[in-house]
Amino acid sequence: MVEKMLLELSSLEKCLGLKKTNKYSTQGDKVPVLQTNNGPSLMGLTTIAIHLVQEAQQNQLLGRTAEEKAIVQQWLEYRVTQIDGHRGKDETRTILKDLNQYLEDKVYLAGDNFTLADILVYYGLHPIMTELSVQEKEKYVNVSRWFNHIQHYPGIRQHLHPVVVLKNRLYTSGH
């Protein structure tokens, strides 16, 4: 699990256009650690990701308004507590059902703007979406639409293989 997070952080660095690569280690088998040059080490996926966004001076990815910032923070927490912590198919279905309902009228997790929440939730959902059948992906159409949009966002997918989200539908004409 932590190796996956280290890969995500490395991909995030590239996506943000950071030139120097950071040095990462792990604490135990679950927590990524960033070794900083100027101060104490930073621990945890979301803490490090927020630091990278600030280092890249792309603070809009953290939210533009106070409400949007809170929503981004909420989804970063959701990624770590729910998506990374899920156990088994029942919890996976609950996550997908809740997310599908939430995304019904939204383009991005924080509303109309692409944020760090979209990136990290995408990374967290990638292994889940890879395992779903086409029928299951169609059942969670809003998640599938959002996921497909994010995976095609420039620079996001990086180390991950593309996931076929919806099958092509064939329509017959009445002629």
Foldseek 3Di string as FASTA:
>chain_A
DVVLLVVLLQLLLVLLVPDDDWDWDADDPPKIWTDDPPDDIDIHSVRSSCVSCVVSVNCCQCPDDPLLNVQLVVLVVCLVCQLVPDDDDVSVVVVLVVVLVCQVPALASSRDDHHPSLLSSLSSCQVVLQPDDQVVLVVSVSVLNNSQVQCPDPSRCVPHDDHDRHDDDDDDDPD
